[in-house]
């Protein structure tokens, strides 16, 4: 596990362009914080910082972590990995999770922007709960990257699909608008999307004591676990079909 994580860390260090998402997305907070100051709503600064971080985490998982397996395919190492007796799937899961976790510094980036550039009071009233939610969100975004990874191998038009997984999911996750303001159909869909639960919990953790923390954390954990199982099963099926020759790697 440590070897796989270290390997992915070396790959990321040698390809700093992969970290561009983490450098760009948090800069959205400049617009958000400026908007708050202009409308004298500095009390929402912490919530905005957490929203910018969550957006960065999701985008990084979709555009960078999900491409770990596609990078192996492009480098010509995927076929060799599938021919070896080693557990490529386990290696892939660890590498994707490691890459997703590298988004954590984006949280400190947006906090520094809020405090250093705008002088806003960005604080967490329930830091322990917030930390637990952040860890679950990282796991959830990594599991989403697993699902996208499977599609990157098998589907020719996966790149187009990948490009559509940002703003619609920002809305579905309640990052841009509260879930309560979405149309009925989307509101129901948001209830089974882990990002909406995590975003609500983070906002409550910023404001003060979190109401019903055990129940809500349990739902968030269950949704993340379900999505992780889905991603693992999808990847296992895709890799098995490629290994057996039933599916051909697209060019």
C-alpha atoms as a PDB file:
ATOM      1  CA  UNK A   1       0.000   0.000   0.000  1.00  0.00           C
ATOM      2  CA  UNK A   2       2.780   2.405   0.935  1.00  0.00           C
ATOM      3  CA  UNK A   3       4.661   1.539  -2.252  1.00  0.00           C
ATOM      4  CA  UNK A   4       1.613   2.277  -4.397  1.00  0.00           C
ATOM      5  CA  UNK A   5       0.961   5.554  -2.595  1.00  0.00           C
ATOM      6  CA  UNK A   6       4.618   6.560  -2.863  1.00  0.00           C
ATOM      7  CA  UNK A   7       4.688   5.676  -6.557  1.00  0.00           C
ATOM      8  CA  UNK A   8       1.674   7.870  -7.255  1.00  0.00           C
ATOM      9  CA  UNK A   9       3.255  10.682  -5.248  1.00  0.00           C
ATOM     10  CA  UNK A  10       6.388  10.495  -7.411  1.00  0.00           C
ATOM     11  CA  UNK A  11       4.275  10.533 -10.590  1.00  0.00           C
ATOM     12  CA  UNK A  12       2.420  13.631  -9.387  1.00  0.00           C
ATOM     13  CA  UNK A  13       5.675  15.361  -8.394  1.00  0.00           C
ATOM     14  CA  UNK A  14       7.118  14.736 -11.852  1.00  0.00           C
ATOM     15  CA  UNK A  15       3.946  16.008 -13.523  1.00  0.00           C
ATOM     16  CA  UNK A  16       3.076  19.228 -11.667  1.00  0.00           C
ATOM     17  CA  UNK A  17       0.539  20.067 -14.340  1.00  0.00           C
ATOM     18  CA  UNK A  18      -1.719  17.463 -12.727  1.00  0.00           C
ATOM     19  CA  UNK A  19      -2.053  19.793  -9.754  1.00  0.00           C
ATOM     20  CA  UNK A  20      -3.344  22.678 -11.878  1.00  0.00           C
ATOM     21  CA  UNK A  21      -6.914  22.053 -10.765  1.00  0.00           C
ATOM     22  CA  UNK A  22      -5.929  22.600  -7.147  1.00  0.00           C
ATOM     23  CA  UNK A  23      -4.252  25.859  -8.056  1.00  0.00           C
ATOM     24  CA  UNK A  24      -7.107  27.218 -10.190  1.00  0.00           C
ATOM     25  CA  UNK A  25     -10.401  26.120  -8.621  1.00  0.00           C
ATOM     26  CA  UNK A  26      -9.706  27.641  -5.166  1.00  0.00           C
ATOM     27  CA  UNK A  27      -9.235  31.002  -6.889  1.00  0.00           C
ATOM     28  CA  UNK A  28     -13.001  31.008  -7.361  1.00  0.00           C
ATOM     29  CA  UNK A  29     -13.031  31.965  -3.697  1.00  0.00           C
ATOM     30  CA  UNK A  30     -11.638  35.378  -4.708  1.00  0.00           C
ATOM     31  CA  UNK A  31     -14.895  36.057  -6.530  1.00  0.00           C
ATOM     32  CA  UNK A  32     -16.990  34.583  -3.744  1.00  0.00           C
ATOM     33  CA  UNK A  33     -15.267  36.540  -0.971  1.00  0.00           C
ATOM     34  CA  UNK A  34     -15.423  39.763  -2.961  1.00  0.00           C
ATOM     35  CA  UNK A  35     -19.150  39.220  -3.453  1.00  0.00           C
ATOM     36  CA  UNK A  36     -19.604  38.757   0.304  1.00  0.00           C
ATOM     37  CA  UNK A  37     -17.750  41.964   1.119  1.00  0.00           C
ATOM     38  CA  UNK A  38     -19.675  43.995  -1.427  1.00  0.00           C
ATOM     39  CA  UNK A  39     -22.964  42.811   0.078  1.00  0.00           C
ATOM     40  CA  UNK A  40     -21.780  42.968   3.701  1.00  0.00           C
ATOM     41  CA  UNK A  41     -22.280  39.255   4.347  1.00  0.00           C
ATOM     42  CA  UNK A  42     -18.926  38.492   5.896  1.00  0.00           C
ATOM     43  CA  UNK A  43     -20.704  36.090   8.257  1.00  0.00           C
ATOM     44  CA  UNK A  44     -20.910  33.601   5.370  1.00  0.00           C
ATOM     45  CA  UNK A  45     -17.140  33.562   4.793  1.00  0.00           C
ATOM     46  CA  UNK A  46     -16.501  30.174   6.362  1.00  0.00           C
ATOM     47  CA  UNK A  47     -19.293  28.541   4.391  1.00  0.00           C
ATOM     48  CA  UNK A  48     -17.921  30.028   1.178  1.00  0.00           C
ATOM     49  CA  UNK A  49     -14.422  28.766   1.978  1.00  0.00           C
ATOM     50  CA  UNK A  50     -15.737  25.256   2.558  1.00  0.00           C
ATOM     51  CA  UNK A  51     -17.750  25.421  -0.676  1.00  0.00           C
ATOM     52  CA  UNK A  52     -14.653  26.418  -2.667  1.00  0.00           C
ATOM     53  CA  UNK A  53     -12.720  23.557  -1.084  1.00  0.00           C
ATOM     54  CA  UNK A  54     -15.448  21.014  -1.861  1.00  0.00           C
ATOM     55  CA  UNK A  55     -15.607  22.201  -5.465  1.00  0.00           C
ATOM     56  CA  UNK A  56     -11.819  21.789  -5.717  1.00  0.00           C
ATOM     57  CA  UNK A  57     -11.953  18.319  -4.193  1.00  0.00           C
ATOM     58  CA  UNK A  58     -14.638  17.120  -6.604  1.00  0.00           C
ATOM     59  CA  UNK A  59     -12.985  18.641  -9.691  1.00  0.00           C
ATOM     60  CA  UNK A  60      -9.594  17.205  -8.727  1.00  0.00           C
ATOM     61  CA  UNK A  61     -11.089  13.731  -8.308  1.00  0.00           C
ATOM     62  CA  UNK A  62     -12.971  13.854 -11.611  1.00  0.00           C
ATOM     63  CA  UNK A  63     -10.201  15.335 -13.757  1.00  0.00           C
ATOM     64  CA  UNK A  64      -7.007  14.021 -12.134  1.00  0.00           C
ATOM     65  CA  UNK A  65      -7.629  11.016  -9.894  1.00  0.00           C
ATOM     66  CA  UNK A  66      -9.995   9.455 -12.422  1.00  0.00           C
ATOM     67  CA  UNK A  67      -7.293   9.612 -15.095  1.00  0.00           C
ATOM     68  CA  UNK A  68      -4.798   7.420 -13.236  1.00  0.00           C
ATOM     69  CA  UNK A  69      -5.900   4.322 -15.119  1.00  0.00           C
ATOM     70  CA  UNK A  70      -6.228   6.213 -18.399  1.00  0.00           C
ATOM     71  CA  UNK A  71      -2.671   7.477 -17.998  1.00  0.00           C
ATOM     72  CA  UNK A  72      -1.552   3.852 -17.595  1.00  0.00           C
ATOM     73  CA  UNK A  73      -3.413   3.027 -20.801  1.00  0.00           C
ATOM     74  CA  UNK A  74      -1.800   5.920 -22.673  1.00  0.00           C
ATOM     75  CA  UNK A  75       1.681   4.978 -21.401  1.00  0.00           C
ATOM     76  CA  UNK A  76       1.200   1.375 -22.490  1.00  0.00           C
ATOM     77  CA  UNK A  77       1.565  -0.008 -18.965  1.00  0.00           C
ATOM     78  CA  UNK A  78      -2.065  -0.989 -18.442  1.00  0.00           C
ATOM     79  CA  UNK A  79      -1.804  -4.074 -20.638  1.00  0.00           C
ATOM     80  CA  UNK A  80       1.390  -5.187 -18.862  1.00  0.00           C
ATOM     81  CA  UNK A  81      -0.217  -4.622 -15.455  1.00  0.00           C
ATOM     82  CA  UNK A  82      -3.190  -6.767 -16.410  1.00  0.00           C
ATOM     83  CA  UNK A  83      -0.863  -9.599 -17.505  1.00  0.00           C
ATOM     84  CA  UNK A  84       0.982  -9.747 -14.189  1.00  0.00           C
ATOM     85  CA  UNK A  85      -0.285 -11.805 -11.225  1.00  0.00           C
ATOM     86  CA  UNK A  86      -0.203  -8.716  -8.997  1.00  0.00           C
ATOM     87  CA  UNK A  87      -3.409  -7.123  -7.827  1.00  0.00           C
ATOM     88  CA  UNK A  88      -3.679  -4.199 -10.204  1.00  0.00           C
ATOM     89  CA  UNK A  89      -7.149  -3.288  -8.953  1.00  0.00           C
ATOM     90  CA  UNK A  90      -5.915  -2.853  -5.368  1.00  0.00           C
ATOM     91  CA  UNK A  91      -2.970  -0.809  -6.644  1.00  0.00           C
ATOM     92  CA  UNK A  92      -5.317   1.341  -8.681  1.00  0.00           C
ATOM     93  CA  UNK A  93      -7.621   2.015  -5.722  1.00  0.00           C
ATOM     94  CA  UNK A  94      -4.696   3.118  -3.546  1.00  0.00           C
ATOM     95  CA  UNK A  95      -3.253   5.368  -6.260  1.00  0.00           C
ATOM     96  CA  UNK A  96      -6.615   7.013  -6.948  1.00  0.00           C
ATOM     97  CA  UNK A  97      -7.242   7.551  -3.233  1.00  0.00           C
ATOM     98  CA  UNK A  98      -3.761   9.034  -2.781  1.00  0.00           C
ATOM     99  CA  UNK A  99      -4.298  11.428  -5.675  1.00  0.00           C
ATOM    100  CA  UNK A 100      -7.702  12.500  -4.346  1.00  0.00           C
ATOM    101  CA  UNK A 101      -6.302  13.121  -0.853  1.00  0.00           C
ATOM    102  CA  UNK A 102      -3.788  15.569  -2.338  1.00  0.00           C
ATOM    103  CA  UNK A 103      -6.698  18.011  -2.651  1.00  0.00           C
ATOM    104  CA  UNK A 104      -6.630  18.581   1.123  1.00  0.00           C
ATOM    105  CA  UNK A 105      -4.195  21.548   0.890  1.00  0.00           C
ATOM    106  CA  UNK A 106      -6.861  23.390  -1.130  1.00  0.00           C
ATOM    107  CA  UNK A 107      -8.749  23.840   2.140  1.00  0.00           C
ATOM    108  CA  UNK A 108      -5.826  25.739   3.632  1.00  0.00           C
ATOM    109  CA  UNK A 109      -5.480  27.711   0.401  1.00  0.00           C
ATOM    110  CA  UNK A 110      -9.014  29.082   0.528  1.00  0.00           C
ATOM    111  CA  UNK A 111      -8.694  29.811   4.263  1.00  0.00           C
ATOM    112  CA  UNK A 112      -5.510  31.792   3.621  1.00  0.00           C
ATOM    113  CA  UNK A 113      -7.211  33.712   0.813  1.00  0.00           C
ATOM    114  CA  UNK A 114     -10.150  34.580   3.051  1.00  0.00           C
ATOM    115  CA  UNK A 115      -8.043  35.614   6.013  1.00  0.00           C
ATOM    116  CA  UNK A 116      -4.968  37.077   4.303  1.00  0.00           C
ATOM    117  CA  UNK A 117      -6.502  38.811   1.290  1.00  0.00           C
ATOM    118  CA  UNK A 118      -9.921  39.828   2.607  1.00  0.00           C
ATOM    119  CA  UNK A 119      -9.383  39.785   6.360  1.00  0.00           C
ATOM    120  CA  UNK A 120     -12.438  37.593   6.895  1.00  0.00           C
ATOM    121  CA  UNK A 121     -13.076  35.479   9.963  1.00  0.00           C
ATOM    122  CA  UNK A 122     -12.895  31.951   8.566  1.00  0.00           C
ATOM    123  CA  UNK A 123     -13.325  29.602  11.534  1.00  0.00           C
ATOM    124  CA  UNK A 124     -14.928  26.279  12.363  1.00  0.00           C
ATOM    125  CA  UNK A 125     -17.108  26.053  15.469  1.00  0.00           C
ATOM    126  CA  UNK A 126     -17.078  22.219  15.389  1.00  0.00           C
ATOM    127  CA  UNK A 127     -13.610  21.306  14.034  1.00  0.00           C
ATOM    128  CA  UNK A 128     -13.759  17.612  14.995  1.00  0.00           C
ATOM    129  CA  UNK A 129     -16.991  17.063  13.081  1.00  0.00           C
ATOM    130  CA  UNK A 130     -15.679  19.079  10.142  1.00  0.00           C
ATOM    131  CA  UNK A 131     -12.507  16.966   9.981  1.00  0.00           C
ATOM    132  CA  UNK A 132     -14.511  13.743   9.973  1.00  0.00           C
ATOM    133  CA  UNK A 133     -16.765  15.084   7.206  1.00  0.00           C
ATOM    134  CA  UNK A 134     -13.746  16.144   5.141  1.00  0.00           C
ATOM    135  CA  UNK A 135     -12.272  12.639   5.413  1.00  0.00           C
ATOM    136  CA  UNK A 136     -15.578  11.112   4.304  1.00  0.00           C
ATOM    137  CA  UNK A 137     -15.784  13.577   1.411  1.00  0.00           C
ATOM    138  CA  UNK A 138     -12.287  12.609   0.295  1.00  0.00           C
ATOM    139  CA  UNK A 139     -13.318   8.952   0.375  1.00  0.00           C
ATOM    140  CA  UNK A 140     -16.518   9.756  -1.518  1.00  0.00           C
ATOM    141  CA  UNK A 141     -14.739  11.726  -4.220  1.00  0.00           C
ATOM    142  CA  UNK A 142     -12.155   8.940  -4.563  1.00  0.00           C
ATOM    143  CA  UNK A 143     -14.969   6.426  -5.028  1.00  0.00           C
ATOM    144  CA  UNK A 144     -16.498   8.687  -7.685  1.00  0.00           C
ATOM    145  CA  UNK A 145     -13.115   8.698  -9.418  1.00  0.00           C
ATOM    146  CA  UNK A 146     -13.194   4.883  -9.393  1.00  0.00           C
ATOM    147  CA  UNK A 147     -16.472   4.938 -11.306  1.00  0.00           C
ATOM    148  CA  UNK A 148     -15.145   7.446 -13.835  1.00  0.00           C
ATOM    149  CA  UNK A 149     -11.953   5.383 -14.193  1.00  0.00           C
ATOM    150  CA  UNK A 150     -13.953   2.378 -15.289  1.00  0.00           C
ATOM    151  CA  UNK A 151     -15.714   4.477 -17.894  1.00  0.00           C
ATOM    152  CA  UNK A 152     -12.387   5.926 -19.070  1.00  0.00           C
ATOM    153  CA  UNK A 153     -11.231   2.412 -19.962  1.00  0.00           C
ATOM    154  CA  UNK A 154     -14.346   1.067 -21.596  1.00  0.00           C
ATOM    155  CA  UNK A 155     -16.256   3.981 -23.142  1.00  0.00           C
ATOM    156  CA  UNK A 156     -14.892   5.853 -26.132  1.00  0.00           C
ATOM    157  CA  UNK A 157     -16.803   9.036 -25.320  1.00  0.00           C
ATOM    158  CA  UNK A 158     -15.826   9.056 -21.662  1.00  0.00           C
ATOM    159  CA  UNK A 159     -13.817  12.268 -22.089  1.00  0.00           C
ATOM    160  CA  UNK A 160     -16.965  14.163 -23.050  1.00  0.00           C
ATOM    161  CA  UNK A 161     -18.777  12.671 -20.084  1.00  0.00           C
ATOM    162  CA  UNK A 162     -15.898  13.648 -17.821  1.00  0.00           C
ATOM    163  CA  UNK A 163     -16.190  17.284 -18.896  1.00  0.00           C
ATOM    164  CA  UNK A 164     -19.841  17.322 -17.849  1.00  0.00           C
ATOM    165  CA  UNK A 165     -19.246  16.128 -14.295  1.00  0.00           C
ATOM    166  CA  UNK A 166     -18.481  19.480 -12.703  1.00  0.00           C
ATOM    167  CA  UNK A 167     -21.140  22.201 -12.632  1.00  0.00           C
ATOM    168  CA  UNK A 168     -24.197  19.895 -12.737  1.00  0.00           C
ATOM    169  CA  UNK A 169     -22.821  18.075  -9.705  1.00  0.00           C
ATOM    170  CA  UNK A 170     -21.982  21.354  -7.973  1.00  0.00           C
ATOM    171  CA  UNK A 171     -25.715  22.064  -8.184  1.00  0.00           C
ATOM    172  CA  UNK A 172     -26.752  18.546  -7.231  1.00  0.00           C
ATOM    173  CA  UNK A 173     -24.392  18.684  -4.261  1.00  0.00           C
ATOM    174  CA  UNK A 174     -25.884  21.931  -3.000  1.00  0.00           C
ATOM    175  CA  UNK A 175     -22.611  23.811  -3.443  1.00  0.00           C
ATOM    176  CA  UNK A 176     -23.947  26.684  -5.529  1.00  0.00           C
ATOM    177  CA  UNK A 177     -27.573  26.707  -4.376  1.00  0.00           C
ATOM    178  CA  UNK A 178     -29.111  25.089  -1.295  1.00  0.00           C
ATOM    179  CA  UNK A 179     -30.669  21.746  -2.142  1.00  0.00           C
ATOM    180  CA  UNK A 180     -33.994  23.072  -0.817  1.00  0.00           C
ATOM    181  CA  UNK A 181     -34.114  25.541  -3.736  1.00  0.00           C
ATOM    182  CA  UNK A 182     -33.691  22.910  -6.443  1.00  0.00           C
ATOM    183  CA  UNK A 183     -36.684  21.605  -8.447  1.00  0.00           C
ATOM    184  CA  UNK A 184     -38.455  18.633  -6.906  1.00  0.00           C
ATOM    185  CA  UNK A 185     -36.865  15.992  -9.123  1.00  0.00           C
ATOM    186  CA  UNK A 186     -33.342  17.270  -8.549  1.00  0.00           C
ATOM    187  CA  UNK A 187     -34.017  17.687  -4.841  1.00  0.00           C
ATOM    188  CA  UNK A 188     -34.878  14.008  -4.542  1.00  0.00           C
ATOM    189  CA  UNK A 189     -31.757  13.042  -6.489  1.00  0.00           C
ATOM    190  CA  UNK A 190     -29.615  15.221  -4.238  1.00  0.00           C
ATOM    191  CA  UNK A 191     -30.762  13.231  -1.212  1.00  0.00           C
ATOM    192  CA  UNK A 192     -28.912  10.150  -2.484  1.00  0.00           C
ATOM    193  CA  UNK A 193     -25.786  12.090  -3.489  1.00  0.00           C
ATOM    194  CA  UNK A 194     -23.108  12.055  -0.806  1.00  0.00           C
ATOM    195  CA  UNK A 195     -21.808  15.519  -1.709  1.00  0.00           C
ATOM    196  CA  UNK A 196     -25.039  17.226  -0.644  1.00  0.00           C
ATOM    197  CA  UNK A 197     -24.926  15.589   2.786  1.00  0.00           C
ATOM    198  CA  UNK A 198     -21.264  16.462   3.211  1.00  0.00           C
ATOM    199  CA  UNK A 199     -21.749  20.085   2.173  1.00  0.00           C
ATOM    200  CA  UNK A 200     -24.639  20.538   4.609  1.00  0.00           C
ATOM    201  CA  UNK A 201     -22.649  18.980   7.437  1.00  0.00           C
ATOM    202  CA  UNK A 202     -19.651  21.209   6.721  1.00  0.00           C
ATOM    203  CA  UNK A 203     -21.790  24.337   6.761  1.00  0.00           C
ATOM    204  CA  UNK A 204     -23.374  23.309  10.056  1.00  0.00           C
ATOM    205  CA  UNK A 205     -19.950  22.497  11.521  1.00  0.00           C
ATOM    206  CA  UNK A 206     -18.830  25.997  10.591  1.00  0.00           C
ATOM    207  CA  UNK A 207     -21.844  27.649  12.213  1.00  0.00           C
ATOM    208  CA  UNK A 208     -21.814  25.811  15.529  1.00  0.00           C
ATOM    209  CA  UNK A 209     -23.017  22.554  17.089  1.00  0.00           C
ATOM    210  CA  UNK A 210     -24.203  20.167  14.382  1.00  0.00           C
ATOM    211  CA  UNK A 211     -27.802  18.972  14.831  1.00  0.00           C
ATOM    212  CA  UNK A 212     -28.213  15.176  14.759  1.00  0.00           C
ATOM    213  CA  UNK A 213     -24.538  14.546  13.921  1.00  0.00           C
ATOM    214  CA  UNK A 214     -24.585  10.769  14.424  1.00  0.00           C
ATOM    215  CA  UNK A 215     -27.519  10.129  12.135  1.00  0.00           C
ATOM    216  CA  UNK A 216     -26.283  12.445   9.395  1.00  0.00           C
ATOM    217  CA  UNK A 217     -22.719  11.145   9.530  1.00  0.00           C
ATOM    218  CA  UNK A 218     -24.122   7.623   9.335  1.00  0.00           C
ATOM    219  CA  UNK A 219     -26.064   8.463   6.166  1.00  0.00           C
ATOM    220  CA  UNK A 220     -23.019  10.146   4.628  1.00  0.00           C
ATOM    221  CA  UNK A 221     -20.815   7.158   5.480  1.00  0.00           C
ATOM    222  CA  UNK A 222     -23.368   4.726   4.051  1.00  0.00           C
ATOM    223  CA  UNK A 223     -23.634   6.661   0.778  1.00  0.00           C
ATOM    224  CA  UNK A 224     -19.852   6.812   0.459  1.00  0.00           C
ATOM    225  CA  UNK A 225     -19.573   3.070   1.154  1.00  0.00           C
ATOM    226  CA  UNK A 226     -22.266   2.255  -1.411  1.00  0.00           C
ATOM    227  CA  UNK A 227     -20.562   4.367  -4.056  1.00  0.00           C
ATOM    228  CA  UNK A 228     -17.191   2.800  -3.230  1.00  0.00           C
ATOM    229  CA  UNK A 229     -18.597  -0.695  -3.691  1.00  0.00           C
ATOM    230  CA  UNK A 230     -20.133   0.410  -6.990  1.00  0.00           C
ATOM    231  CA  UNK A 231     -16.817   1.814  -8.196  1.00  0.00           C
ATOM    232  CA  UNK A 232     -14.827  -1.268  -7.148  1.00  0.00           C
ATOM    233  CA  UNK A 233     -17.292  -3.673  -8.768  1.00  0.00           C
ATOM    234  CA  UNK A 234     -17.396  -1.607 -11.966  1.00  0.00           C
ATOM    235  CA  UNK A 235     -13.610  -1.443 -12.220  1.00  0.00           C
ATOM    236  CA  UNK A 236     -13.258  -5.138 -11.414  1.00  0.00           C
ATOM    237  CA  UNK A 237     -15.736  -6.032 -14.153  1.00  0.00           C
ATOM    238  CA  UNK A 238     -14.087  -3.750 -16.708  1.00  0.00           C
ATOM    239  CA  UNK A 239     -10.567  -5.027 -15.961  1.00  0.00           C
ATOM    240  CA  UNK A 240     -11.772  -8.634 -16.060  1.00  0.00           C
ATOM    241  CA  UNK A 241     -13.401  -8.115 -19.458  1.00  0.00           C
ATOM    242  CA  UNK A 242     -10.238  -6.477 -20.811  1.00  0.00           C
ATOM    243  CA  UNK A 243      -8.033  -9.236 -19.408  1.00  0.00           C
ATOM    244  CA  UNK A 244     -10.218 -11.946 -20.951  1.00  0.00           C
ATOM    245  CA  UNK A 245     -10.338 -10.211 -24.320  1.00  0.00           C
ATOM    246  CA  UNK A 246     -14.086  -9.537 -24.197  1.00  0.00           C
ATOM    247  CA  UNK A 247     -13.423  -5.801 -24.241  1.00  0.00           C
ATOM    248  CA  UNK A 248     -10.814  -4.014 -26.329  1.00  0.00           C
ATOM    249  CA  UNK A 249      -8.966  -0.997 -25.017  1.00  0.00           C
ATOM    250  CA  UNK A 250      -9.955   1.991 -27.088  1.00  0.00           C
ATOM    251  CA  UNK A 251      -7.290   3.994 -28.861  1.00  0.00           C
END
